[in-house]
Amino acid sequence: MSKEKNNISIVIHGRGGQGAVTACEIIAEAAFLSGNFVDVHAYPSFGAERRGAPIQAYAKLSRKDKIWDRSQITNPDIIIVFDQTVLNPQIASSIKKNGIVIINSEKEPEYFVDKYNLSEVKLFVADISSYSLEKDFTIDGAPVVNTPILGLLAKALPDLSLENLIKIITQRMDKELADLNIDLMKQGYNLAKTQ
């Protein structure tokens, strides 16, 4: 993705209770903190609100202009998939050419390239769920993936920077929880497999 791109649109696909809305808010705050973006927005989209139901959350980042449009994003620059079971051909084909796709999965990037024809995007994959379970970072037995997967986004979109994400997490959470989130986010950054 070109550094000169004025507007960047991000869609997170996950399930209710996974923290997609919180992740979008952290993305927007970190983007604004970076000084690379003059306006940012983060907002959710979901039907009947219940844990486990498929949901989407959106972030819009602008380098130069005020963002007036609050509509759903249909063709994002970046897709982040918290739960690979929500990924389908429609979602995969919505990404812009030369976009970025980030997936929480134990599978290799080639699997997604072949299954969803993702040869014209930059793909980042890491098994965030297993790592969160290993560190006992769970809510009601389900792995927490929302902040750890942001490490992959920091690797994919350097303008955001891992340092800014860390600052926002430190501001939002108590020290013990922030330290765990930051450790897992750094691991996500380091574990990313690319295609």
N, C-alpha and C. Protein backbone atom coordinates (compact mmCIF):
# COMPACT_ATOMS: atom_id res chain seq x y z
N MET A 1 0.85 -1.17 0.00
CA MET A 1 0.00 0.00 0.00
C MET A 1 0.90 1.23 0.00
N SER A 2 0.61 2.14 -0.85
CA SER A 2 1.42 3.34 -1.02
C SER A 2 1.33 4.25 0.20
N LYS A 3 2.51 4.74 0.63
CA LYS A 3 2.55 5.67 1.76
C LYS A 3 1.78 6.94 1.44
N GLU A 4 1.69 7.29 0.15
CA GLU A 4 1.03 8.52 -0.25
C GLU A 4 -0.49 8.39 -0.31
N LYS A 5 -1.02 7.21 -0.11
CA LYS A 5 -2.47 7.03 -0.17
C LYS A 5 -3.14 7.92 0.88
N ASN A 6 -4.05 8.77 0.43
CA ASN A 6 -4.67 9.74 1.33
C ASN A 6 -5.62 9.09 2.33
N ASN A 7 -6.50 8.23 1.86
CA ASN A 7 -7.50 7.60 2.73
C ASN A 7 -7.26 6.11 2.81
N ILE A 8 -7.33 5.59 4.03
CA ILE A 8 -7.17 4.16 4.25
C ILE A 8 -8.41 3.67 4.97
N SER A 9 -9.03 2.64 4.40
CA SER A 9 -10.22 2.06 5.02
C SER A 9 -9.90 0.65 5.50
N ILE A 10 -10.37 0.36 6.72
CA ILE A 10 -10.08 -0.92 7.36
C ILE A 10 -11.40 -1.54 7.81
N VAL A 11 -11.55 -2.83 7.53
CA VAL A 11 -12.71 -3.58 8.03
C VAL A 11 -12.19 -4.76 8.84
N ILE A 12 -12.72 -4.88 10.06
CA ILE A 12 -12.43 -6.04 10.89
C ILE A 12 -13.63 -6.97 10.84
N HIS A 13 -13.38 -8.23 10.55
CA HIS A 13 -14.42 -9.26 10.56
C HIS A 13 -14.13 -10.19 11.73
N GLY A 14 -15.12 -10.37 12.57
CA GLY A 14 -14.96 -11.25 13.71
C GLY A 14 -16.29 -11.72 14.22
N ARG A 15 -16.32 -12.06 15.48
CA ARG A 15 -17.54 -12.50 16.13
C ARG A 15 -17.78 -11.64 17.37
N GLY A 16 -19.05 -11.47 17.71
CA GLY A 16 -19.40 -10.68 18.88
C GLY A 16 -18.66 -11.17 20.11
N GLY A 17 -18.09 -10.25 20.85
CA GLY A 17 -17.35 -10.60 22.05
C GLY A 17 -15.86 -10.71 21.85
N GLN A 18 -15.38 -10.64 20.60
CA GLN A 18 -13.95 -10.76 20.33
C GLN A 18 -13.21 -9.42 20.45
N GLY A 19 -13.92 -8.33 20.57
CA GLY A 19 -13.26 -7.05 20.76
C GLY A 19 -12.94 -6.31 19.48
N ALA A 20 -13.68 -6.57 18.41
CA ALA A 20 -13.42 -5.89 17.14
C ALA A 20 -13.64 -4.38 17.25
N VAL A 21 -14.66 -3.98 17.96
CA VAL A 21 -14.94 -2.54 18.11
C VAL A 21 -13.81 -1.87 18.89
N THR A 22 -13.38 -2.50 19.97
CA THR A 22 -12.25 -1.95 20.74
C THR A 22 -11.00 -1.87 19.88
N ALA A 23 -10.74 -2.89 19.08
CA ALA A 23 -9.56 -2.87 18.21
C ALA A 23 -9.63 -1.70 17.23
N CYS A 24 -10.81 -1.46 16.65
CA CYS A 24 -10.95 -0.33 15.72
C CYS A 24 -10.70 1.00 16.42
N GLU A 25 -11.19 1.12 17.64
CA GLU A 25 -10.96 2.35 18.40
C GLU A 25 -9.47 2.55 18.67
N ILE A 26 -8.77 1.48 19.02
CA ILE A 26 -7.33 1.56 19.27
C ILE A 26 -6.59 1.93 17.98
N ILE A 27 -7.00 1.34 16.85
CA ILE A 27 -6.39 1.68 15.56
C ILE A 27 -6.55 3.17 15.28
N ALA A 28 -7.77 3.68 15.43
CA ALA A 28 -8.02 5.09 15.14
C ALA A 28 -7.21 6.00 16.06
N GLU A 29 -7.17 5.68 17.35
CA GLU A 29 -6.41 6.51 18.29
C GLU A 29 -4.92 6.49 17.97
N ALA A 30 -4.39 5.30 17.67
CA ALA A 30 -2.96 5.19 17.35
C ALA A 30 -2.63 5.90 16.04
N ALA A 31 -3.53 5.83 15.07
CA ALA A 31 -3.30 6.51 13.79
C ALA A 31 -3.25 8.02 13.99
N PHE A 32 -4.17 8.54 14.79
CA PHE A 32 -4.18 9.98 15.06
C PHE A 32 -2.92 10.39 15.83
N LEU A 33 -2.55 9.58 16.81
CA LEU A 33 -1.35 9.84 17.61
C LEU A 33 -0.09 9.86 16.75
N SER A 34 -0.08 9.09 15.68
CA SER A 34 1.11 9.01 14.81
C SER A 34 1.44 10.34 14.15
N GLY A 35 0.41 11.20 13.99
CA GLY A 35 0.63 12.46 13.29
C GLY A 35 0.57 12.30 11.78
N ASN A 36 0.39 11.08 11.30
CA ASN A 36 0.31 10.82 9.86
C ASN A 36 -1.10 10.98 9.31
N PHE A 37 -2.08 11.12 10.21
CA PHE A 37 -3.48 11.20 9.80
C PHE A 37 -4.14 12.38 10.50
N VAL A 38 -4.88 13.20 9.73
CA VAL A 38 -5.52 14.38 10.31
C VAL A 38 -6.93 14.09 10.83
N ASP A 39 -7.54 13.01 10.33
CA ASP A 39 -8.86 12.63 10.82
C ASP A 39 -8.98 11.12 10.81
N VAL A 40 -9.67 10.59 11.81
CA VAL A 40 -9.86 9.15 11.94
C VAL A 40 -11.27 8.89 12.46
N HIS A 41 -11.84 7.75 12.07
CA HIS A 41 -13.15 7.33 12.57
C HIS A 41 -13.10 5.83 12.85
N ALA A 42 -13.84 5.41 13.86
CA ALA A 42 -13.99 3.98 14.16
C ALA A 42 -15.44 3.75 14.57
N TYR A 43 -16.06 2.73 14.00
CA TYR A 43 -17.46 2.46 14.32
C TYR A 43 -17.81 1.02 13.97
N PRO A 44 -18.81 0.45 14.67
CA PRO A 44 -19.20 -0.95 14.45
C PRO A 44 -20.38 -1.10 13.50
N SER A 45 -20.59 -2.35 13.10
CA SER A 45 -21.80 -2.73 12.38
C SER A 45 -22.13 -4.16 12.78
N PHE A 46 -23.28 -4.33 13.39
CA PHE A 46 -23.70 -5.69 13.75
C PHE A 46 -25.21 -5.74 13.80
N GLY A 47 -25.73 -6.94 13.62
CA GLY A 47 -27.17 -7.13 13.67
C GLY A 47 -27.58 -7.34 15.12
N ALA A 48 -28.28 -8.42 15.38
CA ALA A 48 -28.67 -8.73 16.75
C ALA A 48 -27.40 -8.94 17.56
N GLU A 49 -27.24 -8.11 18.56
CA GLU A 49 -25.98 -8.11 19.32
C GLU A 49 -25.96 -9.30 20.26
N ARG A 50 -25.09 -10.25 19.94
CA ARG A 50 -24.91 -11.39 20.83
C ARG A 50 -23.53 -11.98 20.63
N ARG A 51 -23.02 -12.53 21.70
CA ARG A 51 -21.68 -13.14 21.65
C ARG A 51 -21.67 -14.25 20.61
N GLY A 52 -20.65 -14.22 19.76
CA GLY A 52 -20.48 -15.26 18.76
C GLY A 52 -21.07 -14.97 17.40
N ALA A 53 -21.94 -13.97 17.30
CA ALA A 53 -22.53 -13.62 16.00
C ALA A 53 -21.50 -12.88 15.15
N PRO A 54 -21.49 -13.11 13.83
CA PRO A 54 -20.56 -12.38 12.97
C PRO A 54 -20.80 -10.87 13.06
N ILE A 55 -19.72 -10.12 13.16
CA ILE A 55 -19.81 -8.66 13.22
C ILE A 55 -18.71 -8.05 12.35
N GLN A 56 -18.88 -6.77 12.08
CA GLN A 56 -17.85 -6.00 11.38
C GLN A 56 -17.62 -4.72 12.18
N ALA A 57 -16.40 -4.25 12.14
CA ALA A 57 -16.07 -2.94 12.69
C ALA A 57 -15.21 -2.23 11.66
N TYR A 58 -15.35 -0.92 11.61
CA TYR A 58 -14.71 -0.13 10.55
C TYR A 58 -13.82 0.95 11.14
N ALA A 59 -12.73 1.21 10.43
CA ALA A 59 -11.89 2.37 10.73
C ALA A 59 -11.58 3.07 9.42
N LYS A 60 -11.68 4.37 9.44
CA LYS A 60 -11.31 5.20 8.29
C LYS A 60 -10.24 6.17 8.75
N LEU A 61 -9.16 6.24 8.00
CA LEU A 61 -8.04 7.10 8.32
C LEU A 61 -7.78 8.02 7.13
N SER A 62 -7.61 9.30 7.40
CA SER A 62 -7.36 10.26 6.32
C SER A 62 -6.12 11.09 6.63
N ARG A 63 -5.23 11.18 5.66
CA ARG A 63 -4.00 11.96 5.83
C ARG A 63 -4.23 13.46 5.67
N LYS A 64 -5.22 13.85 4.85
CA LYS A 64 -5.35 15.26 4.49
C LYS A 64 -6.71 15.87 4.76
N ASP A 65 -7.76 15.09 4.67
CA ASP A 65 -9.12 15.65 4.65
C ASP A 65 -9.94 15.20 5.85
N LYS A 66 -10.92 16.02 6.18
CA LYS A 66 -11.93 15.64 7.18
C LYS A 66 -12.75 14.49 6.61
N ILE A 67 -13.08 13.52 7.44
CA ILE A 67 -13.90 12.39 7.02
C ILE A 67 -15.36 12.70 7.34
N TRP A 68 -16.17 12.78 6.32
CA TRP A 68 -17.60 13.04 6.51
C TRP A 68 -18.43 11.77 6.34
N ASP A 69 -17.93 10.85 5.56
CA ASP A 69 -18.66 9.63 5.23
C ASP A 69 -18.57 8.62 6.37
N ARG A 70 -19.70 8.22 6.92
CA ARG A 70 -19.73 7.22 7.99
C ARG A 70 -20.42 5.94 7.54
N SER A 71 -20.49 5.75 6.23
CA SER A 71 -21.15 4.55 5.71
C SER A 71 -20.25 3.33 5.86
N GLN A 72 -20.87 2.16 5.69
CA GLN A 72 -20.12 0.92 5.73
C GLN A 72 -19.08 0.93 4.61
N ILE A 73 -17.99 0.25 4.84
CA ILE A 73 -16.92 0.14 3.86
C ILE A 73 -17.15 -1.14 3.06
N THR A 74 -17.31 -1.00 1.76
CA THR A 74 -17.56 -2.18 0.94
C THR A 74 -16.31 -2.71 0.25
N ASN A 75 -15.35 -1.84 -0.03
CA ASN A 75 -14.09 -2.26 -0.66
C ASN A 75 -12.92 -1.66 0.13
N PRO A 76 -12.53 -2.34 1.20
CA PRO A 76 -11.49 -1.80 2.07
C PRO A 76 -10.08 -1.93 1.50
N ASP A 77 -9.19 -1.12 2.05
CA ASP A 77 -7.76 -1.25 1.76
C ASP A 77 -7.15 -2.35 2.60
N ILE A 78 -7.72 -2.54 3.79
CA ILE A 78 -7.21 -3.53 4.74
C ILE A 78 -8.39 -4.31 5.33
N ILE A 79 -8.24 -5.63 5.35
CA ILE A 79 -9.20 -6.51 6.02
C ILE A 79 -8.45 -7.23 7.13
N ILE A 80 -9.04 -7.24 8.32
CA ILE A 80 -8.48 -7.98 9.44
C ILE A 80 -9.52 -9.03 9.84
N VAL A 81 -9.11 -10.28 9.88
CA VAL A 81 -10.02 -11.38 10.17
C VAL A 81 -9.63 -11.99 11.52
N PHE A 82 -10.48 -11.78 12.53
CA PHE A 82 -10.24 -12.31 13.87
C PHE A 82 -10.49 -13.80 13.94
N ASP A 83 -11.45 -14.28 13.16
CA ASP A 83 -11.88 -15.67 13.20
C ASP A 83 -12.02 -16.15 11.77
N GLN A 84 -11.14 -17.05 11.35
CA GLN A 84 -11.12 -17.46 9.94
C GLN A 84 -12.42 -18.10 9.48
N THR A 85 -13.26 -18.55 10.41
CA THR A 85 -14.53 -19.16 9.99
C THR A 85 -15.52 -18.14 9.45
N VAL A 86 -15.29 -16.84 9.68
CA VAL A 86 -16.17 -15.83 9.09
C VAL A 86 -15.69 -15.42 7.69
N LEU A 87 -14.46 -15.79 7.34
CA LEU A 87 -13.94 -15.43 6.01
C LEU A 87 -14.65 -16.25 4.94
N ASN A 88 -15.12 -15.56 3.91
CA ASN A 88 -15.79 -16.23 2.81
C ASN A 88 -15.37 -15.54 1.50
N PRO A 89 -15.74 -16.11 0.35
CA PRO A 89 -15.33 -15.50 -0.92
C PRO A 89 -15.79 -14.05 -1.09
N GLN A 90 -16.97 -13.72 -0.58
CA GLN A 90 -17.46 -12.35 -0.70
C GLN A 90 -16.56 -11.37 0.06
N ILE A 91 -16.19 -11.72 1.28
CA ILE A 91 -15.30 -10.86 2.06
C ILE A 91 -13.94 -10.77 1.38
N ALA A 92 -13.40 -11.91 0.99
CA ALA A 92 -12.06 -11.93 0.38
C ALA A 92 -12.02 -11.11 -0.91
N SER A 93 -13.08 -11.17 -1.70
CA SER A 93 -13.09 -10.43 -2.98
C SER A 93 -13.37 -8.95 -2.81
N SER A 94 -13.73 -8.52 -1.60
CA SER A 94 -14.02 -7.11 -1.39
C SER A 94 -12.76 -6.26 -1.24
N ILE A 95 -11.62 -6.89 -0.98
CA ILE A 95 -10.38 -6.14 -0.76
C ILE A 95 -9.92 -5.46 -2.05
N LYS A 96 -9.41 -4.25 -1.91
CA LYS A 96 -8.89 -3.54 -3.08
C LYS A 96 -7.61 -4.20 -3.57
N LYS A 97 -7.35 -4.08 -4.86
CA LYS A 97 -6.11 -4.60 -5.43
C LYS A 97 -4.94 -3.95 -4.70
N ASN A 98 -3.94 -4.74 -4.40
CA ASN A 98 -2.76 -4.31 -3.64
C ASN A 98 -3.09 -3.96 -2.19
N GLY A 99 -4.22 -4.44 -1.71
CA GLY A 99 -4.59 -4.21 -0.32
C GLY A 99 -3.85 -5.14 0.62
N ILE A 100 -4.28 -5.11 1.87
CA ILE A 100 -3.65 -5.91 2.92
C ILE A 100 -4.73 -6.76 3.58
N VAL A 101 -4.43 -8.05 3.76
CA VAL A 101 -5.34 -8.95 4.47
C VAL A 101 -4.56 -9.56 5.63
N ILE A 102 -5.13 -9.47 6.82
CA ILE A 102 -4.53 -9.99 8.05
C ILE A 102 -5.47 -11.03 8.62
N ILE A 103 -4.95 -12.24 8.87
CA ILE A 103 -5.82 -13.34 9.31
C ILE A 103 -5.24 -14.03 10.54
N ASN A 104 -6.08 -14.25 11.53
CA ASN A 104 -5.75 -15.07 12.69
C ASN A 104 -6.03 -16.52 12.31
N SER A 105 -4.96 -17.30 12.09
CA SER A 105 -5.15 -18.69 11.69
C SER A 105 -3.86 -19.47 11.90
N GLU A 106 -4.04 -20.78 12.09
CA GLU A 106 -2.88 -21.68 12.16
C GLU A 106 -2.43 -22.10 10.76
N LYS A 107 -3.23 -21.79 9.76
CA LYS A 107 -2.91 -22.18 8.38
C LYS A 107 -1.81 -21.29 7.80
N GLU A 108 -1.16 -21.79 6.78
CA GLU A 108 -0.12 -21.04 6.07
C GLU A 108 -0.78 -20.02 5.13
N PRO A 109 -0.10 -18.93 4.84
CA PRO A 109 -0.66 -17.92 3.93
C PRO A 109 -1.08 -18.50 2.57
N GLU A 110 -0.34 -19.47 2.06
CA GLU A 110 -0.63 -20.05 0.75
C GLU A 110 -2.04 -20.65 0.70
N TYR A 111 -2.52 -21.19 1.82
CA TYR A 111 -3.86 -21.73 1.88
C TYR A 111 -4.89 -20.68 1.48
N PHE A 112 -4.74 -19.47 2.03
CA PHE A 112 -5.70 -18.40 1.76
C PHE A 112 -5.52 -17.82 0.35
N VAL A 113 -4.28 -17.77 -0.11
CA VAL A 113 -4.02 -17.31 -1.48
C VAL A 113 -4.75 -18.23 -2.45
N ASP A 114 -4.61 -19.53 -2.25
CA ASP A 114 -5.24 -20.50 -3.16
C ASP A 114 -6.76 -20.54 -3.00
N LYS A 115 -7.24 -20.60 -1.78
CA LYS A 115 -8.68 -20.76 -1.55
C LYS A 115 -9.48 -19.52 -1.94
N TYR A 116 -8.91 -18.32 -1.70
CA TYR A 116 -9.66 -17.08 -1.91
C TYR A 116 -9.07 -16.18 -3.00
N ASN A 117 -8.13 -16.72 -3.76
CA ASN A 117 -7.53 -15.96 -4.87
C ASN A 117 -6.97 -14.62 -4.38
N LEU A 118 -6.10 -14.68 -3.39
CA LEU A 118 -5.55 -13.48 -2.79
C LEU A 118 -4.12 -13.20 -3.27
N SER A 119 -3.86 -13.47 -4.53
CA SER A 119 -2.50 -13.29 -5.04
C SER A 119 -2.12 -11.84 -5.27
N GLU A 120 -3.09 -10.93 -5.33
CA GLU A 120 -2.78 -9.53 -5.60
C GLU A 120 -2.89 -8.65 -4.35
N VAL A 121 -2.74 -9.27 -3.19
CA VAL A 121 -2.75 -8.52 -1.93
C VAL A 121 -1.53 -8.93 -1.10
N LYS A 122 -1.24 -8.13 -0.12
CA LYS A 122 -0.21 -8.48 0.85
C LYS A 122 -0.93 -9.19 2.00
N LEU A 123 -0.50 -10.40 2.30
CA LEU A 123 -1.20 -11.25 3.26
C LEU A 123 -0.32 -11.47 4.49
N PHE A 124 -0.90 -11.28 5.68
CA PHE A 124 -0.22 -11.51 6.94
C PHE A 124 -1.06 -12.50 7.74
N VAL A 125 -0.44 -13.59 8.21
CA VAL A 125 -1.16 -14.62 8.95
C VAL A 125 -0.35 -14.98 10.19
N ALA A 126 -1.03 -15.15 11.32
CA ALA A 126 -0.40 -15.65 12.54
C ALA A 126 -1.47 -16.35 13.37
N ASP A 127 -1.05 -17.34 14.13
CA ASP A 127 -1.97 -18.10 14.98
C ASP A 127 -2.07 -17.41 16.34
N ILE A 128 -2.79 -16.29 16.34
CA ILE A 128 -2.96 -15.50 17.56
C ILE A 128 -3.76 -16.27 18.60
N SER A 129 -4.77 -17.01 18.17
CA SER A 129 -5.61 -17.75 19.12
C SER A 129 -4.79 -18.72 19.96
N SER A 130 -3.96 -19.51 19.32
CA SER A 130 -3.15 -20.49 20.06
C SER A 130 -2.20 -19.81 21.02
N TYR A 131 -1.61 -18.72 20.58
CA TYR A 131 -0.67 -18.01 21.45
C TYR A 131 -1.41 -17.41 22.65
N SER A 132 -2.59 -16.86 22.43
CA SER A 132 -3.38 -16.32 23.54
C SER A 132 -3.77 -17.42 24.52
N LEU A 133 -4.16 -18.57 24.00
CA LEU A 133 -4.50 -19.70 24.87
C LEU A 133 -3.29 -20.16 25.66
N GLU A 134 -2.15 -20.21 25.01
CA GLU A 134 -0.91 -20.61 25.67
C GLU A 134 -0.58 -19.67 26.84
N LYS A 135 -0.86 -18.40 26.67
CA LYS A 135 -0.59 -17.40 27.71
C LYS A 135 -1.78 -17.24 28.67
N ASP A 136 -2.81 -18.09 28.49
CA ASP A 136 -4.04 -18.03 29.29
C ASP A 136 -4.69 -16.66 29.23
N PHE A 137 -4.66 -16.07 28.04
CA PHE A 137 -5.27 -14.76 27.81
C PHE A 137 -6.62 -15.01 27.16
N THR A 138 -7.63 -15.24 28.01
CA THR A 138 -8.95 -15.64 27.54
C THR A 138 -10.05 -14.87 28.27
N ILE A 139 -11.21 -14.86 27.64
CA ILE A 139 -12.43 -14.36 28.28
C ILE A 139 -13.46 -15.46 28.12
N ASP A 140 -13.96 -15.96 29.23
CA ASP A 140 -14.92 -17.08 29.21
C ASP A 140 -14.40 -18.26 28.39
N GLY A 141 -13.10 -18.51 28.47
CA GLY A 141 -12.49 -19.65 27.78
C GLY A 141 -12.11 -19.40 26.33
N ALA A 142 -12.54 -18.27 25.77
CA ALA A 142 -12.21 -17.95 24.36
C ALA A 142 -10.96 -17.08 24.32
N PRO A 143 -10.06 -17.36 23.38
CA PRO A 143 -8.83 -16.56 23.30
C PRO A 143 -9.11 -15.11 22.94
N VAL A 144 -8.36 -14.21 23.55
CA VAL A 144 -8.44 -12.79 23.22
C VAL A 144 -7.52 -12.55 22.02
N VAL A 145 -8.07 -12.02 20.94
CA VAL A 145 -7.26 -11.80 19.73
C VAL A 145 -7.20 -10.34 19.31
N ASN A 146 -8.07 -9.50 19.86
CA ASN A 146 -8.20 -8.14 19.32
C ASN A 146 -6.94 -7.30 19.44
N THR A 147 -6.30 -7.27 20.59
CA THR A 147 -5.08 -6.47 20.68
C THR A 147 -3.87 -7.20 20.12
N PRO A 148 -3.72 -8.52 20.36
CA PRO A 148 -2.55 -9.19 19.78
C PRO A 148 -2.47 -9.10 18.25
N ILE A 149 -3.63 -9.15 17.57
CA ILE A 149 -3.60 -9.11 16.10
C ILE A 149 -3.18 -7.73 15.58
N LEU A 150 -3.26 -6.71 16.44
CA LEU A 150 -2.82 -5.39 16.02
C LEU A 150 -1.32 -5.33 15.77
N GLY A 151 -0.59 -6.27 16.33
CA GLY A 151 0.84 -6.38 16.01
C GLY A 151 1.06 -6.66 14.54
N LEU A 152 0.21 -7.49 13.96
CA LEU A 152 0.30 -7.77 12.53
C LEU A 152 -0.02 -6.52 11.72
N LEU A 153 -1.01 -5.75 12.19
CA LEU A 153 -1.35 -4.51 11.49
C LEU A 153 -0.19 -3.52 11.55
N ALA A 154 0.48 -3.43 12.69
CA ALA A 154 1.64 -2.53 12.80
C ALA A 154 2.73 -2.93 11.82
N LYS A 155 2.89 -4.22 11.60
CA LYS A 155 3.89 -4.69 10.63
C LYS A 155 3.43 -4.36 9.21
N ALA A 156 2.14 -4.50 8.94
CA ALA A 156 1.60 -4.27 7.60
C ALA A 156 1.48 -2.78 7.27
N LEU A 157 1.22 -1.95 8.26
CA LEU A 157 1.00 -0.52 8.07
C LEU A 157 1.92 0.25 9.02
N PRO A 158 3.19 0.40 8.65
CA PRO A 158 4.18 1.02 9.55
C PRO A 158 3.80 2.43 10.01
N ASP A 159 2.98 3.16 9.25
CA ASP A 159 2.55 4.50 9.68
C ASP A 159 1.85 4.46 11.03
N LEU A 160 1.23 3.35 11.33
CA LEU A 160 0.51 3.21 12.60
C LEU A 160 1.49 3.08 13.75
N SER A 161 2.49 2.30 13.59
CA SER A 161 3.61 2.01 14.49
C SER A 161 3.21 1.25 15.75
N LEU A 162 4.02 0.27 16.04
CA LEU A 162 3.85 -0.54 17.24
C LEU A 162 3.93 0.35 18.48
N GLU A 163 4.80 1.34 18.45
CA GLU A 163 4.97 2.24 19.61
C GLU A 163 3.68 3.00 19.92
N ASN A 164 3.00 3.48 18.89
CA ASN A 164 1.74 4.21 19.12
C ASN A 164 0.65 3.29 19.64
N LEU A 165 0.59 2.08 19.12
CA LEU A 165 -0.38 1.10 19.63
C LEU A 165 -0.11 0.82 21.11
N ILE A 166 1.16 0.69 21.45
CA ILE A 166 1.54 0.44 22.85
C ILE A 166 1.10 1.61 23.74
N LYS A 167 1.32 2.84 23.28
CA LYS A 167 0.91 4.02 24.06
C LYS A 167 -0.60 4.01 24.32
N ILE A 168 -1.38 3.69 23.30
CA ILE A 168 -2.84 3.69 23.47
C ILE A 168 -3.27 2.59 24.43
N ILE A 169 -2.71 1.41 24.29
CA ILE A 169 -3.07 0.30 25.19
C ILE A 169 -2.69 0.64 26.63
N THR A 170 -1.54 1.26 26.81
CA THR A 170 -1.10 1.65 28.15
C THR A 170 -2.06 2.67 28.77
N GLN A 171 -2.59 3.57 27.95
CA GLN A 171 -3.54 4.57 28.45
C GLN A 171 -4.90 3.96 28.79
N ARG A 172 -5.31 2.91 28.07
CA ARG A 172 -6.65 2.36 28.22
C ARG A 172 -6.76 1.29 29.31
N MET A 173 -5.64 0.69 29.71
CA MET A 173 -5.71 -0.48 30.59
C MET A 173 -4.83 -0.29 31.82
N ASP A 174 -5.16 -1.07 32.86
CA ASP A 174 -4.27 -1.06 34.02
C ASP A 174 -2.96 -1.74 33.63
N LYS A 175 -1.92 -1.54 34.42
CA LYS A 175 -0.57 -1.97 34.04
C LYS A 175 -0.48 -3.46 33.75
N GLU A 176 -1.04 -4.28 34.60
CA GLU A 176 -0.92 -5.74 34.41
C GLU A 176 -1.58 -6.19 33.11
N LEU A 177 -2.77 -5.71 32.86
CA LEU A 177 -3.48 -6.08 31.63
C LEU A 177 -2.78 -5.48 30.40
N ALA A 178 -2.33 -4.25 30.52
CA ALA A 178 -1.62 -3.61 29.41
C ALA A 178 -0.35 -4.38 29.08
N ASP A 179 0.40 -4.79 30.09
CA ASP A 179 1.65 -5.53 29.85
C ASP A 179 1.40 -6.83 29.09
N LEU A 180 0.35 -7.55 29.47
CA LEU A 180 0.01 -8.80 28.79
C LEU A 180 -0.41 -8.52 27.34
N ASN A 181 -1.26 -7.52 27.14
CA ASN A 181 -1.69 -7.16 25.79
C ASN A 181 -0.50 -6.75 24.92
N ILE A 182 0.39 -5.97 25.47
CA ILE A 182 1.55 -5.49 24.72
C ILE A 182 2.48 -6.64 24.37
N ASP A 183 2.70 -7.55 25.33
CA ASP A 183 3.53 -8.72 25.04
C ASP A 183 2.95 -9.53 23.89
N LEU A 184 1.65 -9.78 23.94
CA LEU A 184 1.01 -10.56 22.88
C LEU A 184 1.00 -9.80 21.55
N MET A 185 0.85 -8.50 21.59
CA MET A 185 0.87 -7.71 20.36
C MET A 185 2.27 -7.78 19.73
N LYS A 186 3.31 -7.68 20.54
CA LYS A 186 4.68 -7.80 20.03
C LYS A 186 4.91 -9.18 19.43
N GLN A 187 4.36 -10.22 20.08
CA GLN A 187 4.49 -11.57 19.53
C GLN A 187 3.78 -11.68 18.19
N GLY A 188 2.58 -11.08 18.10
CA GLY A 188 1.88 -11.07 16.82
C GLY A 188 2.73 -10.42 15.73
N TYR A 189 3.35 -9.32 16.07
CA TYR A 189 4.24 -8.60 15.14
C TYR A 189 5.36 -9.53 14.67
N ASN A 190 5.95 -10.27 15.62
CA ASN A 190 7.09 -11.13 15.30
C ASN A 190 6.69 -12.46 14.66
N LEU A 191 5.48 -12.94 14.93
CA LEU A 191 5.05 -14.24 14.41
C LEU A 191 4.43 -14.17 13.01
N ALA A 192 4.19 -12.99 12.52
CA ALA A 192 3.47 -12.83 11.24
C ALA A 192 4.18 -13.57 10.11
N LYS A 193 3.41 -14.41 9.43
CA LYS A 193 3.89 -15.06 8.20
C LYS A 193 3.28 -14.27 7.04
N THR A 194 4.08 -13.98 6.04
CA THR A 194 3.58 -13.18 4.92
C THR A 194 3.63 -13.95 3.63
N GLN A 195 2.86 -13.45 2.68
CA GLN A 195 2.82 -14.02 1.33
C GLN A 195 3.02 -12.90 0.35
